[in-house]
Amino acid sequence: MMKGEFGFHRGGGEHETGPAAYVQIYVKSSALSRAPDLAISAHLMTEAEIDEFMDDALAELEEIRIDAKKALAAAASHQAAS
């Protein structure tokens, strides 16, 4: 069974150029994938940035949940009327 998963990648440090330390939130397109496929955040360098990103993402996902339920109810209602 294929499913997406969320994770994070820790970057920076002595072997990378750029910011000293950061994390980047990503989605894997497959449970079989070992590599991050789709970065969904910028480089997050502080706890506050991580919290803000996750709070915003959760709020957007809640909106999607509500809209999806409304769409499903509307489709079921339309199908029952036919």
N, C-alpha and C. Protein backbone atom coordinates (compact mmCIF):
# COMPACT_ATOMS: atom_id res chain seq x y z
N MET A 1 0.85 -1.18 0.00
CA MET A 1 0.00 0.00 0.00
C MET A 1 0.89 1.24 0.00
N MET A 2 0.61 2.15 -0.88
CA MET A 2 1.39 3.38 -0.98
C MET A 2 0.71 4.47 -0.17
N LYS A 3 1.48 5.24 0.54
CA LYS A 3 0.93 6.38 1.26
C LYS A 3 2.03 7.41 1.44
N GLY A 4 1.61 8.65 1.56
CA GLY A 4 2.58 9.71 1.81
C GLY A 4 2.89 9.79 3.29
N GLU A 5 4.03 10.30 3.62
CA GLU A 5 4.44 10.49 5.00
C GLU A 5 5.14 11.83 5.13
N PHE A 6 5.00 12.43 6.30
CA PHE A 6 5.70 13.66 6.60
C PHE A 6 6.98 13.34 7.35
N GLY A 7 7.93 14.21 7.25
CA GLY A 7 9.17 14.06 7.98
C GLY A 7 9.92 15.37 7.99
N PHE A 8 11.12 15.33 8.48
CA PHE A 8 11.95 16.53 8.44
C PHE A 8 13.37 16.14 8.11
N HIS A 9 14.06 17.07 7.53
CA HIS A 9 15.46 16.89 7.16
C HIS A 9 16.26 17.91 7.96
N ARG A 10 17.26 17.46 8.65
CA ARG A 10 18.14 18.37 9.38
C ARG A 10 19.31 18.74 8.49
N GLY A 11 19.57 20.00 8.34
CA GLY A 11 20.65 20.44 7.48
C GLY A 11 21.60 21.36 8.21
N GLY A 12 22.59 21.79 7.49
CA GLY A 12 23.60 22.66 8.07
C GLY A 12 24.70 21.83 8.69
N GLY A 13 25.54 22.50 9.42
CA GLY A 13 26.63 21.79 10.07
C GLY A 13 27.91 21.91 9.29
N GLU A 14 28.89 21.15 9.68
CA GLU A 14 30.23 21.32 9.14
C GLU A 14 30.39 20.86 7.69
N HIS A 15 29.52 19.98 7.19
CA HIS A 15 29.68 19.47 5.83
C HIS A 15 28.81 20.17 4.81
N GLU A 16 28.04 21.18 5.22
CA GLU A 16 27.15 21.90 4.32
C GLU A 16 27.43 23.39 4.40
N THR A 17 27.29 24.04 3.26
CA THR A 17 27.38 25.49 3.29
C THR A 17 26.00 26.06 3.56
N GLY A 18 25.91 27.29 3.92
CA GLY A 18 24.62 27.90 4.19
C GLY A 18 24.38 28.07 5.67
N PRO A 19 23.10 28.08 6.07
CA PRO A 19 22.78 28.32 7.48
C PRO A 19 23.46 27.30 8.39
N ALA A 20 23.77 27.71 9.60
CA ALA A 20 24.48 26.85 10.53
C ALA A 20 23.67 25.59 10.85
N ALA A 21 22.40 25.73 11.12
CA ALA A 21 21.56 24.57 11.41
C ALA A 21 20.13 24.93 11.07
N TYR A 22 19.43 23.98 10.46
CA TYR A 22 18.03 24.22 10.12
C TYR A 22 17.34 22.87 9.97
N VAL A 23 16.01 22.91 9.97
CA VAL A 23 15.23 21.75 9.57
C VAL A 23 14.32 22.17 8.45
N GLN A 24 13.93 21.21 7.64
CA GLN A 24 13.00 21.46 6.54
C GLN A 24 11.98 20.33 6.57
N ILE A 25 10.70 20.70 6.64
CA ILE A 25 9.61 19.74 6.66
C ILE A 25 9.38 19.26 5.23
N TYR A 26 9.14 17.96 5.05
CA TYR A 26 8.92 17.42 3.71
C TYR A 26 7.85 16.35 3.74
N VAL A 27 7.39 15.98 2.56
CA VAL A 27 6.46 14.89 2.36
C VAL A 27 7.14 13.87 1.46
N LYS A 28 7.02 12.59 1.84
CA LYS A 28 7.48 11.52 0.95
C LYS A 28 6.27 11.07 0.16
N SER A 29 6.43 10.87 -1.14
CA SER A 29 5.31 10.47 -1.97
C SER A 29 4.97 8.99 -1.82
N SER A 30 5.85 8.23 -1.20
CA SER A 30 5.63 6.80 -1.06
C SER A 30 6.25 6.33 0.25
N ALA A 31 5.61 5.38 0.88
CA ALA A 31 6.17 4.79 2.09
C ALA A 31 7.48 4.05 1.76
N LEU A 32 7.67 3.71 0.48
CA LEU A 32 8.87 3.01 0.06
C LEU A 32 10.05 3.95 -0.18
N SER A 33 9.76 5.24 -0.28
CA SER A 33 10.80 6.23 -0.58
C SER A 33 11.64 6.51 0.66
N ARG A 34 12.92 6.52 0.50
CA ARG A 34 13.81 6.86 1.61
C ARG A 34 14.21 8.33 1.58
N ALA A 35 14.04 8.96 0.44
CA ALA A 35 14.48 10.35 0.28
C ALA A 35 13.29 11.29 0.37
N PRO A 36 13.51 12.51 0.90
CA PRO A 36 12.43 13.49 0.89
C PRO A 36 12.10 13.88 -0.54
N ASP A 37 10.83 13.79 -0.91
CA ASP A 37 10.42 14.07 -2.28
C ASP A 37 9.97 15.51 -2.49
N LEU A 38 9.29 16.07 -1.51
CA LEU A 38 8.68 17.38 -1.70
C LEU A 38 8.84 18.21 -0.44
N ALA A 39 9.72 19.19 -0.49
CA ALA A 39 9.89 20.10 0.65
C ALA A 39 8.66 20.99 0.73
N ILE A 40 8.07 21.10 1.91
CA ILE A 40 6.90 21.96 2.06
C ILE A 40 7.17 23.14 2.99
N SER A 41 8.39 23.27 3.45
CA SER A 41 8.74 24.43 4.27
C SER A 41 10.04 25.03 3.77
N ALA A 42 10.24 26.24 4.18
CA ALA A 42 11.55 26.87 3.98
C ALA A 42 12.51 26.26 5.00
N HIS A 43 13.74 26.72 5.03
CA HIS A 43 14.67 26.30 6.08
C HIS A 43 14.21 26.97 7.37
N LEU A 44 13.84 26.18 8.34
CA LEU A 44 13.35 26.68 9.62
C LEU A 44 14.51 26.63 10.61
N MET A 45 14.86 27.80 11.17
CA MET A 45 16.08 27.88 11.96
C MET A 45 15.84 28.09 13.46
N THR A 46 14.59 28.32 13.86
CA THR A 46 14.31 28.51 15.28
C THR A 46 13.06 27.71 15.66
N GLU A 47 12.90 27.48 16.96
CA GLU A 47 11.70 26.81 17.43
C GLU A 47 10.45 27.60 17.07
N ALA A 48 10.54 28.93 17.14
CA ALA A 48 9.39 29.78 16.80
C ALA A 48 9.00 29.62 15.33
N GLU A 49 9.98 29.52 14.43
CA GLU A 49 9.69 29.32 13.02
C GLU A 49 9.02 27.97 12.78
N ILE A 50 9.48 26.93 13.48
CA ILE A 50 8.86 25.61 13.35
C ILE A 50 7.42 25.68 13.85
N ASP A 51 7.21 26.29 15.01
CA ASP A 51 5.85 26.41 15.56
C ASP A 51 4.93 27.17 14.62
N GLU A 52 5.40 28.28 14.07
CA GLU A 52 4.58 29.09 13.18
C GLU A 52 4.22 28.31 11.92
N PHE A 53 5.20 27.62 11.34
CA PHE A 53 4.94 26.83 10.13
C PHE A 53 3.90 25.75 10.41
N MET A 54 4.09 25.01 11.51
CA MET A 54 3.17 23.91 11.82
C MET A 54 1.78 24.43 12.17
N ASP A 55 1.69 25.53 12.90
CA ASP A 55 0.37 26.11 13.23
C ASP A 55 -0.37 26.51 11.96
N ASP A 56 0.35 27.16 11.03
CA ASP A 56 -0.27 27.56 9.76
C ASP A 56 -0.70 26.33 8.95
N ALA A 57 0.15 25.31 8.90
CA ALA A 57 -0.17 24.10 8.14
C ALA A 57 -1.39 23.40 8.74
N LEU A 58 -1.46 23.32 10.05
CA LEU A 58 -2.60 22.67 10.69
C LEU A 58 -3.89 23.44 10.42
N ALA A 59 -3.83 24.76 10.45
CA ALA A 59 -5.02 25.57 10.15
C ALA A 59 -5.48 25.34 8.71
N GLU A 60 -4.53 25.28 7.77
CA GLU A 60 -4.89 25.03 6.38
C GLU A 60 -5.46 23.63 6.19
N LEU A 61 -4.90 22.64 6.87
CA LEU A 61 -5.43 21.28 6.78
C LEU A 61 -6.83 21.20 7.37
N GLU A 62 -7.10 21.93 8.42
CA GLU A 62 -8.45 21.94 9.00
C GLU A 62 -9.46 22.53 8.01
N GLU A 63 -9.06 23.57 7.30
CA GLU A 63 -9.93 24.14 6.26
C GLU A 63 -10.21 23.11 5.17
N ILE A 64 -9.19 22.36 4.78
CA ILE A 64 -9.35 21.33 3.76
C ILE A 64 -10.30 20.26 4.26
N ARG A 65 -10.16 19.86 5.53
CA ARG A 65 -11.06 18.85 6.11
C ARG A 65 -12.51 19.30 6.01
N ILE A 66 -12.78 20.53 6.41
CA ILE A 66 -14.14 21.07 6.40
C ILE A 66 -14.69 21.12 4.98
N ASP A 67 -13.89 21.64 4.04
CA ASP A 67 -14.33 21.73 2.64
C ASP A 67 -14.57 20.35 2.04
N ALA A 68 -13.71 19.38 2.36
CA ALA A 68 -13.86 18.03 1.82
C ALA A 68 -15.14 17.38 2.33
N LYS A 69 -15.44 17.58 3.61
CA LYS A 69 -16.67 17.01 4.17
C LYS A 69 -17.90 17.65 3.53
N LYS A 70 -17.85 18.95 3.31
CA LYS A 70 -18.96 19.64 2.65
C LYS A 70 -19.16 19.11 1.23
N ALA A 71 -18.06 18.93 0.50
CA ALA A 71 -18.14 18.43 -0.87
C ALA A 71 -18.70 17.01 -0.89
N LEU A 72 -18.28 16.18 0.04
CA LEU A 72 -18.78 14.82 0.10
C LEU A 72 -20.27 14.79 0.42
N ALA A 73 -20.69 15.62 1.37
CA ALA A 73 -22.11 15.69 1.72
C ALA A 73 -22.94 16.19 0.54
N ALA A 74 -22.43 17.17 -0.17
CA ALA A 74 -23.14 17.71 -1.33
C ALA A 74 -23.26 16.64 -2.42
N ALA A 75 -22.21 15.88 -2.65
CA ALA A 75 -22.24 14.82 -3.67
C ALA A 75 -23.22 13.73 -3.28
N ALA A 76 -23.23 13.35 -2.01
CA ALA A 76 -24.14 12.32 -1.53
C ALA A 76 -25.58 12.79 -1.62
N SER A 77 -25.81 14.05 -1.31
CA SER A 77 -27.15 14.62 -1.39
C SER A 77 -27.64 14.66 -2.83
N HIS A 78 -26.75 15.04 -3.74
CA HIS A 78 -27.09 15.10 -5.17
C HIS A 78 -27.39 13.69 -5.70
N GLN A 79 -26.58 12.73 -5.27
CA GLN A 79 -26.77 11.35 -5.74
C GLN A 79 -28.09 10.79 -5.19
N ALA A 80 -28.44 11.10 -3.96
CA ALA A 80 -29.68 10.60 -3.38
C ALA A 80 -30.91 11.20 -4.06
N ALA A 81 -30.76 12.44 -4.54
CA ALA A 81 -31.88 13.12 -5.23
C ALA A 81 -32.08 12.60 -6.63
N SER A 82 -31.08 11.94 -7.20
CA SER A 82 -31.18 11.45 -8.59
C SER A 82 -31.97 10.19 -8.71
